[in-house]
C-alpha cells in the first residue's frame, strides 16, 4: 500500500495486489465486490467524524 501526501494529510491511497491465481481480471472483479462490504473502505469513503478526547 502506498499513499500520496498533500501537506499534512493523505489525498490518496493505492493498494496493489499481485497473484498468479485467480487471474488479474477475476481478481479485479473480486476486489470491486469486496469494496462494497469492506469496513475500512466504507468508513474512509464516508469521511468519518474523528473525535479526540483528552482526560
N, C-alpha and C. Protein backbone atom coordinates (compact mmCIF):
# COMPACT_ATOMS: atom_id res chain seq x y z
N UNK A 1 0.85 -1.17 0.00
CA UNK A 1 0.00 0.00 0.00
C UNK A 1 0.90 1.23 0.00
N UNK A 2 0.52 2.20 -0.77
CA UNK A 2 1.22 3.48 -0.79
C UNK A 2 0.18 4.58 -0.66
N UNK A 3 0.62 5.73 -0.26
CA UNK A 3 -0.27 6.87 -0.15
C UNK A 3 0.41 8.12 -0.68
N UNK A 4 -0.37 9.11 -1.02
CA UNK A 4 0.16 10.37 -1.51
C UNK A 4 -0.21 11.47 -0.54
N UNK A 5 0.80 12.17 -0.06
CA UNK A 5 0.60 13.26 0.90
C UNK A 5 0.45 14.58 0.17
N UNK A 6 -0.43 15.42 0.70
CA UNK A 6 -0.56 16.79 0.25
C UNK A 6 -0.53 17.64 1.51
N UNK A 7 0.64 18.13 1.87
CA UNK A 7 0.78 18.85 3.12
C UNK A 7 0.62 17.90 4.29
N UNK A 8 -0.27 18.22 5.21
CA UNK A 8 -0.39 17.41 6.42
C UNK A 8 -1.38 16.24 6.32
N UNK A 9 -1.82 15.89 5.13
CA UNK A 9 -2.81 14.81 5.04
C UNK A 9 -2.59 13.96 3.80
N UNK A 10 -3.11 12.76 3.85
CA UNK A 10 -3.09 11.88 2.67
C UNK A 10 -4.23 12.29 1.74
N UNK A 11 -3.96 12.33 0.45
CA UNK A 11 -5.01 12.64 -0.52
C UNK A 11 -5.38 11.42 -1.35
N UNK A 12 -4.57 10.36 -1.24
CA UNK A 12 -4.92 9.13 -1.95
C UNK A 12 -4.16 7.96 -1.35
N UNK A 13 -4.71 6.78 -1.58
CA UNK A 13 -4.08 5.53 -1.20
C UNK A 13 -4.09 4.62 -2.42
N UNK A 14 -3.09 3.78 -2.55
CA UNK A 14 -3.04 2.80 -3.64
C UNK A 14 -2.70 1.46 -3.02
N UNK A 15 -3.54 0.48 -3.30
CA UNK A 15 -3.31 -0.89 -2.84
C UNK A 15 -3.06 -1.73 -4.07
N UNK A 16 -1.89 -2.33 -4.14
CA UNK A 16 -1.53 -3.15 -5.30
C UNK A 16 -1.52 -4.62 -4.89
N UNK A 17 -2.22 -5.43 -5.68
CA UNK A 17 -2.34 -6.86 -5.39
C UNK A 17 -1.74 -7.64 -6.54
N UNK A 18 -0.86 -8.57 -6.23
CA UNK A 18 -0.26 -9.44 -7.24
C UNK A 18 -0.55 -10.88 -6.86
N UNK A 19 -1.02 -11.65 -7.83
CA UNK A 19 -1.32 -13.05 -7.58
C UNK A 19 -1.27 -13.81 -8.89
N UNK A 20 -0.89 -15.07 -8.83
CA UNK A 20 -0.87 -15.89 -10.04
C UNK A 20 -2.23 -16.55 -10.28
N UNK A 21 -3.01 -16.66 -9.22
CA UNK A 21 -4.33 -17.24 -9.35
C UNK A 21 -5.21 -16.64 -8.27
N UNK A 22 -6.37 -16.17 -8.53
CA UNK A 22 -7.07 -16.12 -9.81
C UNK A 22 -6.41 -15.12 -10.77
N UNK A 23 -6.92 -15.05 -11.98
CA UNK A 23 -6.36 -14.15 -12.99
C UNK A 23 -6.57 -12.69 -12.55
N UNK A 24 -5.85 -11.78 -13.19
CA UNK A 24 -5.97 -10.36 -12.86
C UNK A 24 -7.39 -9.86 -13.04
N UNK A 25 -8.05 -10.28 -14.12
CA UNK A 25 -9.44 -9.86 -14.35
C UNK A 25 -10.37 -10.39 -13.27
N UNK A 26 -10.20 -11.66 -12.92
CA UNK A 26 -11.03 -12.24 -11.86
C UNK A 26 -10.77 -11.55 -10.53
N UNK A 27 -9.50 -11.28 -10.26
CA UNK A 27 -9.14 -10.62 -9.01
C UNK A 27 -9.71 -9.20 -8.94
N UNK A 28 -9.70 -8.49 -10.06
CA UNK A 28 -10.27 -7.14 -10.11
C UNK A 28 -11.76 -7.18 -9.79
N UNK A 29 -12.47 -8.16 -10.32
CA UNK A 29 -13.91 -8.29 -10.03
C UNK A 29 -14.13 -8.60 -8.56
N UNK A 30 -13.30 -9.47 -7.99
CA UNK A 30 -13.43 -9.80 -6.57
C UNK A 30 -13.15 -8.57 -5.71
N UNK A 31 -12.12 -7.80 -6.06
CA UNK A 31 -11.78 -6.61 -5.29
C UNK A 31 -12.91 -5.59 -5.34
N UNK A 32 -13.50 -5.42 -6.51
CA UNK A 32 -14.61 -4.47 -6.65
C UNK A 32 -15.79 -4.89 -5.78
N UNK A 33 -16.09 -6.18 -5.75
CA UNK A 33 -17.17 -6.68 -4.89
C UNK A 33 -16.83 -6.48 -3.41
N UNK A 34 -15.58 -6.71 -3.06
CA UNK A 34 -15.16 -6.59 -1.65
C UNK A 34 -15.27 -5.16 -1.15
N UNK A 35 -15.04 -4.17 -2.03
CA UNK A 35 -15.12 -2.77 -1.61
C UNK A 35 -16.49 -2.42 -1.05
N UNK A 36 -17.54 -3.07 -1.53
CA UNK A 36 -18.89 -2.77 -1.07
C UNK A 36 -19.12 -3.19 0.37
N UNK A 37 -18.37 -4.18 0.86
CA UNK A 37 -18.59 -4.69 2.21
C UNK A 37 -17.39 -4.47 3.14
N UNK A 38 -16.34 -3.85 2.64
CA UNK A 38 -15.14 -3.62 3.44
C UNK A 38 -15.38 -2.47 4.42
N UNK A 39 -15.24 -2.74 5.70
CA UNK A 39 -15.47 -1.72 6.72
C UNK A 39 -14.51 -0.55 6.57
N UNK A 40 -13.25 -0.81 6.27
CA UNK A 40 -12.26 0.26 6.16
C UNK A 40 -12.56 1.14 4.95
N UNK A 41 -12.81 0.54 3.79
CA UNK A 41 -13.11 1.31 2.59
C UNK A 41 -14.36 2.15 2.78
N UNK A 42 -15.40 1.55 3.33
CA UNK A 42 -16.65 2.28 3.53
C UNK A 42 -16.48 3.42 4.54
N UNK A 43 -15.72 3.19 5.60
CA UNK A 43 -15.51 4.21 6.61
C UNK A 43 -14.72 5.39 6.04
N UNK A 44 -13.63 5.11 5.34
CA UNK A 44 -12.81 6.19 4.79
C UNK A 44 -13.53 6.94 3.68
N UNK A 45 -14.38 6.27 2.92
CA UNK A 45 -15.13 6.91 1.84
C UNK A 45 -16.18 7.88 2.37
N UNK A 46 -16.66 7.65 3.58
CA UNK A 46 -17.73 8.47 4.15
C UNK A 46 -17.21 9.64 4.97
N UNK A 47 -15.90 9.89 4.98
CA UNK A 47 -15.31 10.96 5.78
C UNK A 47 -15.84 10.94 7.21
N UNK A 48 -15.42 9.96 7.99
CA UNK A 48 -15.96 9.80 9.33
C UNK A 48 -15.59 10.96 10.26
N UNK A 49 -16.45 11.19 11.22
CA UNK A 49 -16.17 12.17 12.27
C UNK A 49 -15.05 11.61 13.12
N UNK A 50 -14.08 12.42 13.45
CA UNK A 50 -12.98 11.99 14.32
C UNK A 50 -13.06 12.82 15.59
N UNK A 51 -13.14 12.13 16.69
CA UNK A 51 -13.25 12.80 18.00
C UNK A 51 -12.00 12.50 18.81
N UNK A 52 -11.38 13.52 19.34
CA UNK A 52 -10.22 13.37 20.22
C UNK A 52 -10.66 13.74 21.63
N UNK A 53 -10.50 12.82 22.55
CA UNK A 53 -10.88 13.05 23.94
C UNK A 53 -9.63 13.01 24.79
N UNK A 54 -9.36 14.07 25.49
CA UNK A 54 -8.22 14.14 26.39
C UNK A 54 -8.76 14.14 27.81
N UNK A 55 -8.28 13.22 28.62
CA UNK A 55 -8.77 13.16 30.00
C UNK A 55 -7.64 13.08 30.99
